[in-house]
Amino acid sequence: MPKRYPPEFRDDVIAVARAAQKAGTPLTHVAADFGITSSCLRRWLRLEAGSAASTAGDQADLAAENRQLKAQLRRVEQEREILRRAAAYFAKDVNPK
């Protein structure tokens, strides 16, 4: 079973690996410096890149859904107000005092 590393350690390793990639340092050297395998580091980088991309897409989807739901809520509130007024009008006509 693979060894579990704390999230802080993983975040630090990923940050150093990203900087090393920009500088042209091989990932195997970064992995060796931190005492992990290069395949583990590559997997962390792949997972981090996937979660960052999905987070950006999710934010856009959530914003669009939020706008749609707010518009729908305004429409339903208007309909409810119309029905409330109509009910009051007809209730007044049905029960003359």
C-alpha atoms as a PDB file:
ATOM      1  CA  MET A   1       0.000   0.000   0.000  1.00  0.00           C
ATOM      2  CA  PRO A   2       1.415   3.417  -0.942  1.00  0.00           C
ATOM      3  CA  LYS A   3       2.539   5.788   1.770  1.00  0.00           C
ATOM      4  CA  ARG A   4       0.142   8.680   2.458  1.00  0.00           C
ATOM      5  CA  TYR A   5       1.644  12.143   2.447  1.00  0.00           C
ATOM      6  CA  PRO A   6       0.080  15.177   4.120  1.00  0.00           C
ATOM      7  CA  PRO A   7      -1.705  17.614   1.775  1.00  0.00           C
ATOM      8  CA  GLU A   8       0.705  20.408   2.751  1.00  0.00           C
ATOM      9  CA  PHE A   9       3.661  18.283   1.664  1.00  0.00           C
ATOM     10  CA  ARG A  10       1.980  17.455  -1.635  1.00  0.00           C
ATOM     11  CA  ASP A  11       1.179  21.129  -2.282  1.00  0.00           C
ATOM     12  CA  ASP A  12       4.792  22.122  -1.571  1.00  0.00           C
ATOM     13  CA  VAL A  13       6.183  19.403  -3.830  1.00  0.00           C
ATOM     14  CA  ILE A  14       3.803  20.395  -6.638  1.00  0.00           C
ATOM     15  CA  ALA A  15       4.800  24.067  -6.316  1.00  0.00           C
ATOM     16  CA  VAL A  16       8.506  23.204  -6.450  1.00  0.00           C
ATOM     17  CA  ALA A  17       7.940  20.825  -9.379  1.00  0.00           C
ATOM     18  CA  ARG A  18       6.072  23.506 -11.361  1.00  0.00           C
ATOM     19  CA  ALA A  19       8.904  25.968 -10.760  1.00  0.00           C
ATOM     20  CA  ALA A  20      11.471  23.314 -11.695  1.00  0.00           C
ATOM     21  CA  GLN A  21       9.638  22.542 -14.931  1.00  0.00           C
ATOM     22  CA  LYS A  22       9.806  26.214 -15.898  1.00  0.00           C
ATOM     23  CA  ALA A  23      13.533  26.229 -15.116  1.00  0.00           C
ATOM     24  CA  GLY A  24      14.073  23.048 -17.140  1.00  0.00           C
ATOM     25  CA  THR A  25      14.968  20.775 -14.234  1.00  0.00           C
ATOM     26  CA  PRO A  26      13.858  17.150 -14.706  1.00  0.00           C
ATOM     27  CA  LEU A  27      11.054  15.899 -12.489  1.00  0.00           C
ATOM     28  CA  THR A  28      13.136  12.922 -11.454  1.00  0.00           C
ATOM     29  CA  HIS A  29      15.552  15.275  -9.650  1.00  0.00           C
ATOM     30  CA  VAL A  30      12.726  17.041  -7.839  1.00  0.00           C
ATOM     31  CA  ALA A  31      11.188  13.717  -6.831  1.00  0.00           C
ATOM     32  CA  ALA A  32      14.542  12.427  -5.566  1.00  0.00           C
ATOM     33  CA  ASP A  33      15.074  15.614  -3.538  1.00  0.00           C
ATOM     34  CA  PHE A  34      11.775  15.059  -1.739  1.00  0.00           C
ATOM     35  CA  GLY A  35      12.195  11.305  -1.371  1.00  0.00           C
ATOM     36  CA  ILE A  36       9.293  10.262  -3.580  1.00  0.00           C
ATOM     37  CA  THR A  37       9.164   8.385  -6.856  1.00  0.00           C
ATOM     38  CA  SER A  38       8.954  10.257 -10.130  1.00  0.00           C
ATOM     39  CA  SER A  39       5.759   8.395 -11.060  1.00  0.00           C
ATOM     40  CA  CYS A  40       4.158   9.584  -7.823  1.00  0.00           C
ATOM     41  CA  LEU A  41       5.144  13.174  -8.607  1.00  0.00           C
ATOM     42  CA  ARG A  42       3.794  12.908 -12.158  1.00  0.00           C
ATOM     43  CA  ARG A  43       0.512  11.534 -10.814  1.00  0.00           C
ATOM     44  CA  TRP A  44       0.220  14.404  -8.317  1.00  0.00           C
ATOM     45  CA  LEU A  45       0.882  16.927 -11.073  1.00  0.00           C
ATOM     46  CA  ARG A  46      -1.697  15.304 -13.345  1.00  0.00           C
ATOM     47  CA  LEU A  47      -4.316  15.211 -10.574  1.00  0.00           C
ATOM     48  CA  GLU A  48      -3.616  18.825  -9.626  1.00  0.00           C
ATOM     49  CA  ALA A  49      -3.891  19.982 -13.238  1.00  0.00           C
ATOM     50  CA  GLY A  50      -7.161  18.094 -13.696  1.00  0.00           C
ATOM     51  CA  SER A  51      -8.707  19.481 -10.535  1.00  0.00           C
ATOM     52  CA  ALA A  52      -7.669  23.042 -11.428  1.00  0.00           C
ATOM     53  CA  ALA A  53      -9.193  22.746 -14.900  1.00  0.00           C
ATOM     54  CA  SER A  54     -12.406  21.217 -13.626  1.00  0.00           C
ATOM     55  CA  THR A  55     -12.690  23.872 -10.930  1.00  0.00           C
ATOM     56  CA  ALA A  56     -12.555  26.681 -13.490  1.00  0.00           C
ATOM     57  CA  GLY A  57     -15.162  24.962 -15.648  1.00  0.00           C
ATOM     58  CA  ASP A  58     -17.335  24.236 -12.634  1.00  0.00           C
ATOM     59  CA  GLN A  59     -17.244  27.890 -11.594  1.00  0.00           C
ATOM     60  CA  ALA A  60     -18.502  29.001 -15.003  1.00  0.00           C
ATOM     61  CA  ASP A  61     -21.241  26.367 -14.940  1.00  0.00           C
ATOM     62  CA  LEU A  62     -22.284  27.373 -11.429  1.00  0.00           C
ATOM     63  CA  ALA A  63     -22.427  31.056 -12.374  1.00  0.00           C
ATOM     64  CA  ALA A  64     -24.639  30.312 -15.376  1.00  0.00           C
ATOM     65  CA  GLU A  65     -26.911  28.091 -13.309  1.00  0.00           C
ATOM     66  CA  ASN A  66     -27.076  30.756 -10.601  1.00  0.00           C
ATOM     67  CA  ARG A  67     -28.211  33.387 -13.124  1.00  0.00           C
ATOM     68  CA  GLN A  68     -30.838  31.030 -14.501  1.00  0.00           C
ATOM     69  CA  LEU A  69     -32.174  30.169 -11.049  1.00  0.00           C
ATOM     70  CA  LYS A  70     -32.371  33.834 -10.033  1.00  0.00           C
ATOM     71  CA  ALA A  71     -34.399  34.633 -13.166  1.00  0.00           C
ATOM     72  CA  GLN A  72     -36.681  31.680 -12.483  1.00  0.00           C
ATOM     73  CA  LEU A  73     -37.130  32.793  -8.872  1.00  0.00           C
ATOM     74  CA  ARG A  74     -38.126  36.322  -9.971  1.00  0.00           C
ATOM     75  CA  ARG A  75     -40.702  34.870 -12.365  1.00  0.00           C
ATOM     76  CA  VAL A  76     -42.166  32.540  -9.725  1.00  0.00           C
ATOM     77  CA  GLU A  77     -42.373  35.381  -7.190  1.00  0.00           C
ATOM     78  CA  GLN A  78     -44.246  37.533  -9.735  1.00  0.00           C
ATOM     79  CA  GLU A  79     -46.645  34.665 -10.476  1.00  0.00           C
ATOM     80  CA  ARG A  80     -47.235  34.121  -6.766  1.00  0.00           C
ATOM     81  CA  GLU A  81     -47.982  37.823  -6.274  1.00  0.00           C
ATOM     82  CA  ILE A  82     -50.484  37.790  -9.160  1.00  0.00           C
ATOM     83  CA  LEU A  83     -52.197  34.705  -7.740  1.00  0.00           C
ATOM     84  CA  ARG A  84     -52.299  36.223  -4.251  1.00  0.00           C
ATOM     85  CA  ARG A  85     -53.979  39.362  -5.581  1.00  0.00           C
ATOM     86  CA  ALA A  86     -56.423  37.340  -7.691  1.00  0.00           C
ATOM     87  CA  ALA A  87     -57.343  35.179  -4.713  1.00  0.00           C
ATOM     88  CA  ALA A  88     -57.953  38.277  -2.599  1.00  0.00           C
ATOM     89  CA  TYR A  89     -60.107  39.823  -5.351  1.00  0.00           C
ATOM     90  CA  PHE A  90     -62.245  36.701  -5.821  1.00  0.00           C
ATOM     91  CA  ALA A  91     -62.510  36.078  -2.089  1.00  0.00           C
ATOM     92  CA  LYS A  92     -63.905  39.596  -1.712  1.00  0.00           C
ATOM     93  CA  ASP A  93     -66.591  38.907  -4.375  1.00  0.00           C
ATOM     94  CA  VAL A  94     -67.593  35.507  -2.984  1.00  0.00           C
ATOM     95  CA  ASN A  95     -68.177  36.622   0.594  1.00  0.00           C
ATOM     96  CA  PRO A  96     -70.079  39.917   0.434  1.00  0.00           C
ATOM     97  CA  LYS A  97     -70.788  41.274   3.867  1.00  0.00           C
END
